[in-house]
């Protein structure tokens, strides 16, 4: 069977371009015992994938040149030689960017599309939702009445963090990059205030004005000058949840910023970086709680769905110019 796949053609220096990707036609092998044939339905594109394009130490192994890009995906079983799956089952897994793929049965999981749409398992009920949940609950430890600031607030993780913080009785301030995103976060997701960093000349002052009692929890998805401004307004015994640094992922050289350690020291601030895999022993807890909130209507979600397998590189690159509202997903 001939299928299409998208491989890493070359390693980027700075911002990736479409030239870093190449589409190929290849022939799949036949199924062996315990394997399944999966037809791709949805692919996730995520900022962390940028780091895997470099040949450098990372928390996940680098992508190989001339090999398919790998990422979170949803698919449907077309053929099976595994007793755990039937034809037509909808599954999720870490899959190659290919229209169809042969996988071992123990490498994928069946999902319940009666609970939520299939694509939600790449977002609010998948890695971004769990990232938001564990980062805020286990590291941020929100208390009622505290002020939570979220950078990248209109992204897949930020939208969930803000809603969970509201459920915990916090005052929630978002930072996003367009008036449209600001309106969405306030009207649809109940954020108390949102700052447009692209039209704000003095971020430090803007944070001070929207957080007159200071910042108790900063959920950092962005880094750079935005984080410098937030941390300048940080409270004593505050918690900084270091989730992402998307503003720096494409930097050819790391820019010099403020020296933050004296402020963290003198204000007794906790800053902790994490990846969602750190909490794998608690995944059941996270999925059950997120599922309950979704079922009860307490958590809403937003997706930007791009249609077409060939649009995968374009969708990925769009993450770095802020084209997504909520989770960026490609529908095959």
Protein backbone atom coordinates (compact mmCIF):
# COMPACT_ATOMS: atom_id res chain seq x y z
CA UNK A 1 0.00 0.00 0.00
CA UNK A 2 1.37 3.42 -1.00
CA UNK A 3 0.93 6.28 1.46
CA UNK A 4 2.20 9.83 1.87
CA UNK A 5 4.51 10.93 4.66
CA UNK A 6 6.17 14.22 5.64
CA UNK A 7 9.82 14.03 6.68
CA UNK A 8 12.36 16.46 8.12
CA UNK A 9 14.39 17.54 5.10
CA UNK A 10 16.92 19.74 6.93
CA UNK A 11 17.52 21.30 10.34
CA UNK A 12 16.44 24.94 10.71
CA UNK A 13 18.60 27.79 11.89
CA UNK A 14 16.29 30.27 13.56
CA UNK A 15 12.68 30.25 12.37
CA UNK A 16 11.82 27.10 10.40
CA UNK A 17 10.46 27.39 6.86
CA UNK A 18 8.51 25.06 4.58
CA UNK A 19 11.87 24.05 3.07
CA UNK A 20 12.56 22.04 6.22
CA UNK A 21 9.79 19.59 5.24
CA UNK A 22 9.44 17.16 2.33
CA UNK A 23 6.47 15.02 1.29
CA UNK A 24 7.23 11.52 0.05
CA UNK A 25 5.30 8.52 -1.22
CA UNK A 26 6.33 5.23 0.42
CA UNK A 27 5.01 1.66 0.55
CA UNK A 28 3.81 0.26 3.87
CA UNK A 29 4.75 -3.27 4.93
CA UNK A 30 2.06 -5.87 5.57
CA UNK A 31 0.71 -6.42 9.06
CA UNK A 32 2.48 -8.76 11.47
CA UNK A 33 0.81 -10.43 14.43
CA UNK A 34 -0.07 -7.85 17.12
CA UNK A 35 -0.02 -4.93 14.67
CA UNK A 36 -2.73 -2.63 13.33
CA UNK A 37 -3.14 -0.39 10.29
CA UNK A 38 -4.16 3.10 11.38
CA UNK A 39 -5.67 5.71 9.07
CA UNK A 40 -4.84 9.23 10.27
CA UNK A 41 -7.76 11.49 11.21
CA UNK A 42 -6.17 14.38 13.16
CA UNK A 43 -2.64 15.52 13.91
CA UNK A 44 -1.47 17.77 16.72
CA UNK A 45 1.14 20.46 16.09
CA UNK A 46 2.90 21.73 19.20
CA UNK A 47 5.67 24.22 20.04
CA UNK A 48 7.88 21.56 21.67
CA UNK A 49 8.34 19.99 18.22
CA UNK A 50 10.60 22.91 17.28
CA UNK A 51 13.20 21.74 19.79
CA UNK A 52 13.21 18.25 18.30
CA UNK A 53 14.19 19.69 14.92
CA UNK A 54 17.60 20.62 16.37
CA UNK A 55 20.45 18.14 16.72
CA UNK A 56 20.91 19.06 20.36
CA UNK A 57 20.17 17.77 23.84
CA UNK A 58 16.46 18.08 24.57
CA UNK A 59 13.98 16.37 26.83
CA UNK A 60 12.94 14.29 23.79
CA UNK A 61 15.25 12.81 21.17
CA UNK A 62 15.86 14.89 18.01
CA UNK A 63 14.00 14.10 14.81
CA UNK A 64 16.18 12.34 12.26
CA UNK A 65 16.84 13.88 8.85
CA UNK A 66 14.84 12.13 6.08
CA UNK A 67 12.63 10.43 8.68
CA UNK A 68 8.95 11.29 9.35
CA UNK A 69 8.07 13.98 11.88
CA UNK A 70 6.41 12.35 14.90
CA UNK A 71 3.67 13.78 17.11
CA UNK A 72 0.34 13.27 18.81
CA UNK A 73 -2.35 11.95 16.47
CA UNK A 74 -5.82 10.44 16.30
CA UNK A 75 -6.59 7.66 13.87
CA UNK A 76 -9.04 4.93 12.95
CA UNK A 77 -8.23 1.23 12.80
CA UNK A 78 -8.50 0.04 9.19
CA UNK A 79 -7.08 -3.44 9.65
CA UNK A 80 -6.04 -5.35 12.75
CA UNK A 81 -4.01 -8.37 13.80
CA UNK A 82 -4.28 -7.34 17.46
CA UNK A 83 -6.90 -8.80 19.76
CA UNK A 84 -7.19 -5.45 21.54
CA UNK A 85 -8.71 -3.57 18.59
CA UNK A 86 -11.49 -3.92 16.06
CA UNK A 87 -11.83 -2.29 12.67
CA UNK A 88 -13.36 1.17 13.13
CA UNK A 89 -11.96 1.80 16.63
CA UNK A 90 -10.76 5.37 17.11
CA UNK A 91 -7.33 5.53 18.76
CA UNK A 92 -4.68 7.99 19.86
CA UNK A 93 -0.92 7.68 19.91
CA UNK A 94 2.45 9.18 19.08
CA UNK A 95 2.44 8.64 15.33
CA UNK A 96 4.41 9.65 12.22
CA UNK A 97 3.15 12.36 9.90
CA UNK A 98 1.75 9.88 7.38
CA UNK A 99 -1.69 9.31 5.92
CA UNK A 100 -1.63 5.72 7.21
CA UNK A 101 0.75 3.85 9.47
CA UNK A 102 1.41 0.34 10.79
CA UNK A 103 1.72 0.31 14.58
CA UNK A 104 2.11 -2.25 17.33
CA UNK A 105 -1.14 -2.61 19.26
CA UNK A 106 0.49 -1.73 22.58
CA UNK A 107 1.66 1.66 21.27
CA UNK A 108 -1.83 3.18 20.87
CA UNK A 109 -4.93 3.63 23.06
CA UNK A 110 -8.62 3.50 22.26
CA UNK A 111 -10.54 6.72 22.99
CA UNK A 112 -14.18 7.38 23.90
CA UNK A 113 -15.70 9.67 21.27
CA UNK A 114 -19.01 9.65 23.16
CA UNK A 115 -17.43 11.75 25.91
CA UNK A 116 -15.92 14.37 23.61
CA UNK A 117 -14.98 14.89 19.94
CA UNK A 118 -11.95 12.86 18.85
CA UNK A 119 -9.78 15.95 18.39
CA UNK A 120 -10.26 16.90 22.06
CA UNK A 121 -7.92 14.03 22.94
CA UNK A 122 -5.13 16.07 21.35
CA UNK A 123 -6.12 19.09 23.40
CA UNK A 124 -8.12 19.48 26.56
CA UNK A 125 -8.22 15.72 27.25
CA UNK A 126 -4.68 15.16 25.99
CA UNK A 127 -1.21 16.59 26.48
CA UNK A 128 -2.17 20.32 26.63
CA UNK A 129 -5.01 19.74 29.11
CA UNK A 130 -2.83 17.57 31.34
CA UNK A 131 -0.01 20.11 31.10
CA UNK A 132 -2.36 22.86 32.27
CA UNK A 133 -3.78 20.73 35.07
CA UNK A 134 -0.52 19.45 36.55
CA UNK A 135 1.34 22.72 36.08
CA UNK A 136 -1.28 24.79 37.85
CA UNK A 137 -2.52 22.32 40.47
CA UNK A 138 0.69 20.48 41.42
CA UNK A 139 3.21 23.32 41.00
CA UNK A 140 1.17 26.53 41.16
CA UNK A 141 -1.00 25.30 44.05
CA UNK A 142 -3.63 28.04 43.60
CA UNK A 143 -5.48 29.44 46.59
CA UNK A 144 -8.78 31.30 46.50
CA UNK A 145 -8.33 35.04 46.01
CA UNK A 146 -4.85 34.81 44.47
CA UNK A 147 -3.88 36.52 41.21
CA UNK A 148 -2.80 34.25 38.36
CA UNK A 149 -1.11 35.63 35.24
CA UNK A 150 -0.86 33.47 32.11
CA UNK A 151 1.29 34.27 29.07
CA UNK A 152 0.29 32.64 25.80
CA UNK A 153 -3.18 32.70 27.34
CA UNK A 154 -5.08 32.06 24.09
CA UNK A 155 -3.11 28.91 23.31
CA UNK A 156 -3.99 25.27 23.92
CA UNK A 157 -2.57 25.23 27.45
CA UNK A 158 -3.30 28.81 28.49
CA UNK A 159 -7.06 28.60 27.89
CA UNK A 160 -7.31 25.58 30.19
CA UNK A 161 -5.06 27.08 32.89
CA UNK A 162 -7.24 30.19 33.06
CA UNK A 163 -10.47 28.23 33.45
CA UNK A 164 -9.04 25.94 36.14
CA UNK A 165 -7.72 28.98 38.01
CA UNK A 166 -11.21 30.50 37.92
CA UNK A 167 -12.66 27.23 39.24
CA UNK A 168 -10.21 27.55 42.15
CA UNK A 169 -11.47 31.07 42.95
CA UNK A 170 -8.52 33.03 41.56
CA UNK A 171 -8.39 36.32 39.72
CA UNK A 172 -7.08 35.54 36.22
CA UNK A 173 -5.06 37.85 33.96
CA UNK A 174 -4.18 36.69 30.45
CA UNK A 175 -1.56 37.95 28.01
CA UNK A 176 -2.26 37.47 24.29
CA UNK A 177 -1.38 39.00 20.94
CA UNK A 178 -4.57 40.30 19.31
CA UNK A 179 -7.78 42.14 20.18
CA UNK A 180 -9.73 39.17 18.83
CA UNK A 181 -8.00 36.84 21.31
CA UNK A 182 -8.58 39.30 24.13
CA UNK A 183 -12.30 39.42 23.39
CA UNK A 184 -12.44 35.61 23.22
CA UNK A 185 -10.68 35.12 26.56
CA UNK A 186 -12.91 37.62 28.35
CA UNK A 187 -16.24 36.77 26.71
CA UNK A 188 -15.93 33.00 26.25
CA UNK A 189 -13.54 31.94 29.00
CA UNK A 190 -14.26 34.41 31.80
CA UNK A 191 -10.76 35.87 32.19
CA UNK A 192 -10.87 38.96 34.42
CA UNK A 193 -8.42 41.01 32.33
CA UNK A 194 -6.32 40.40 29.22
CA UNK A 195 -3.33 42.42 27.99
CA UNK A 196 -2.45 42.71 24.30
CA UNK A 197 1.35 42.59 24.41
CA UNK A 198 1.63 43.69 20.78
CA UNK A 199 -0.07 47.05 21.41
CA UNK A 200 1.28 47.67 24.93
CA UNK A 201 4.38 49.88 25.08
CA UNK A 202 5.20 49.26 28.77
CA UNK A 203 4.40 45.68 29.81
CA UNK A 204 5.78 46.12 33.33
CA UNK A 205 3.40 49.02 33.95
CA UNK A 206 0.48 47.19 32.32
CA UNK A 207 0.99 44.20 34.64
CA UNK A 208 1.23 46.53 37.63
CA UNK A 209 -2.05 48.24 36.69
CA UNK A 210 -3.98 45.02 36.09
CA UNK A 211 -2.46 43.30 39.15
CA UNK A 212 -2.52 46.00 41.86
CA UNK A 213 -2.03 43.32 44.54
CA UNK A 214 0.89 41.76 42.67
CA UNK A 215 1.21 38.35 40.99
CA UNK A 216 0.89 35.18 43.07
CA UNK A 217 1.16 32.60 40.28
CA UNK A 218 2.74 33.14 36.88
CA UNK A 219 2.09 30.39 34.32
CA UNK A 220 4.84 31.04 31.79
CA UNK A 221 4.28 29.73 28.26
CA UNK A 222 6.29 32.41 26.47
CA UNK A 223 9.42 33.72 28.21
CA UNK A 224 11.30 36.76 26.89
CA UNK A 225 10.37 40.35 27.69
CA UNK A 226 6.83 39.35 28.69
CA UNK A 227 8.12 37.15 31.49
CA UNK A 228 10.58 39.86 32.56
CA UNK A 229 7.65 42.25 33.01
CA UNK A 230 5.51 39.77 34.95
CA UNK A 231 8.31 38.70 37.27
CA UNK A 232 9.02 42.36 38.06
CA UNK A 233 5.57 42.38 39.69
CA UNK A 234 5.88 39.04 41.49
CA UNK A 235 4.76 38.68 45.11
CA UNK A 236 6.50 37.18 48.11
CA UNK A 237 6.14 33.36 48.11
CA UNK A 238 4.81 33.42 44.55
CA UNK A 239 5.06 30.38 42.26
CA UNK A 240 6.31 30.53 38.67
CA UNK A 241 5.20 27.56 36.57
CA UNK A 242 7.74 27.31 33.74
CA UNK A 243 5.87 25.53 30.96
CA UNK A 244 7.16 26.97 27.66
CA UNK A 245 9.49 29.58 26.16
CA UNK A 246 8.09 29.90 22.66
CA UNK A 247 9.48 33.42 22.21
CA UNK A 248 13.00 31.96 22.36
CA UNK A 249 12.66 28.66 20.47
CA UNK A 250 13.72 30.16 17.15
CA UNK A 251 16.43 32.48 18.48
CA UNK A 252 19.78 31.87 16.80
CA UNK A 253 21.40 33.36 19.91
CA UNK A 254 19.84 33.57 23.36
CA UNK A 255 19.17 37.26 24.09
CA UNK A 256 20.35 38.79 27.34
CA UNK A 257 17.59 39.67 29.76
CA UNK A 258 17.29 40.85 33.36
CA UNK A 259 19.08 38.84 36.02
CA UNK A 260 16.08 37.37 37.85
CA UNK A 261 17.78 35.46 40.64
CA UNK A 262 18.02 38.39 43.13
CA UNK A 263 14.28 39.00 42.82
CA UNK A 264 13.43 35.32 43.19
CA UNK A 265 15.75 35.11 46.19
CA UNK A 266 14.60 38.17 48.09
CA UNK A 267 10.89 37.43 47.50
CA UNK A 268 11.20 33.69 48.29
CA UNK A 269 9.74 32.76 44.89
CA UNK A 270 9.52 29.20 43.62
CA UNK A 271 10.24 28.75 39.89
CA UNK A 272 9.84 25.21 38.60
CA UNK A 273 10.15 23.95 35.05
CA UNK A 274 8.35 20.76 34.04
CA UNK A 275 7.17 18.58 31.20
CA UNK A 276 3.91 16.69 31.36
CA UNK A 277 5.72 13.34 31.41
CA UNK A 278 6.97 14.17 34.91
CA UNK A 279 3.45 13.43 36.11
CA UNK A 280 2.81 10.19 34.19
CA UNK A 281 2.01 8.35 37.44
CA UNK A 282 -0.86 10.81 37.96
CA UNK A 283 -2.29 10.81 34.41
CA UNK A 284 -5.43 8.94 35.49
CA UNK A 285 -6.16 11.59 38.13
CA UNK A 286 -5.73 14.38 35.59
CA UNK A 287 -7.82 12.78 32.84
CA UNK A 288 -10.63 11.90 35.25
CA UNK A 289 -10.79 15.45 36.65
CA UNK A 290 -10.59 17.14 33.24
CA UNK A 291 -13.23 14.76 31.84
CA UNK A 292 -15.55 15.51 34.75
CA UNK A 293 -15.21 19.26 34.29
CA UNK A 294 -15.83 18.93 30.54
CA UNK A 295 -18.88 16.73 31.14
CA UNK A 296 -20.24 19.23 33.69
CA UNK A 297 -19.71 22.15 31.30
CA UNK A 298 -17.18 23.78 33.65
CA UNK A 299 -14.38 23.57 31.08
CA UNK A 300 -14.85 24.79 27.51
CA UNK A 301 -12.36 24.50 24.73
CA UNK A 302 -11.26 26.16 21.53
CA UNK A 303 -9.66 24.60 18.48
CA UNK A 304 -8.16 25.96 15.30
CA UNK A 305 -8.65 23.16 12.77
CA UNK A 306 -6.71 23.26 9.50
CA UNK A 307 -7.91 20.81 6.84
CA UNK A 308 -5.54 18.80 4.66
CA UNK A 309 -2.59 16.48 5.33
CA UNK A 310 -0.38 18.72 3.19
CA UNK A 311 -1.13 21.65 5.52
CA UNK A 312 0.80 20.13 8.44
CA UNK A 313 3.99 22.20 7.96
CA UNK A 314 1.95 25.38 7.46
CA UNK A 315 -0.05 24.73 10.63
CA UNK A 316 3.12 24.04 12.63
CA UNK A 317 4.77 27.25 11.44
CA UNK A 318 1.58 29.16 12.28
CA UNK A 319 2.15 28.44 15.97
CA UNK A 320 5.09 30.86 16.00
CA UNK A 321 3.11 33.76 14.52
CA UNK A 322 0.14 33.23 16.86
CA UNK A 323 -2.31 32.08 14.19
CA UNK A 324 -4.00 29.62 16.52
CA UNK A 325 -6.76 30.24 19.01
CA UNK A 326 -6.68 27.32 21.42
CA UNK A 327 -5.33 24.02 20.10
CA UNK A 328 -3.96 23.91 16.57
CA UNK A 329 -5.07 20.67 14.92
CA UNK A 330 -4.79 19.40 11.35
CA UNK A 331 -7.70 17.32 10.04
CA UNK A 332 -6.60 14.87 7.36
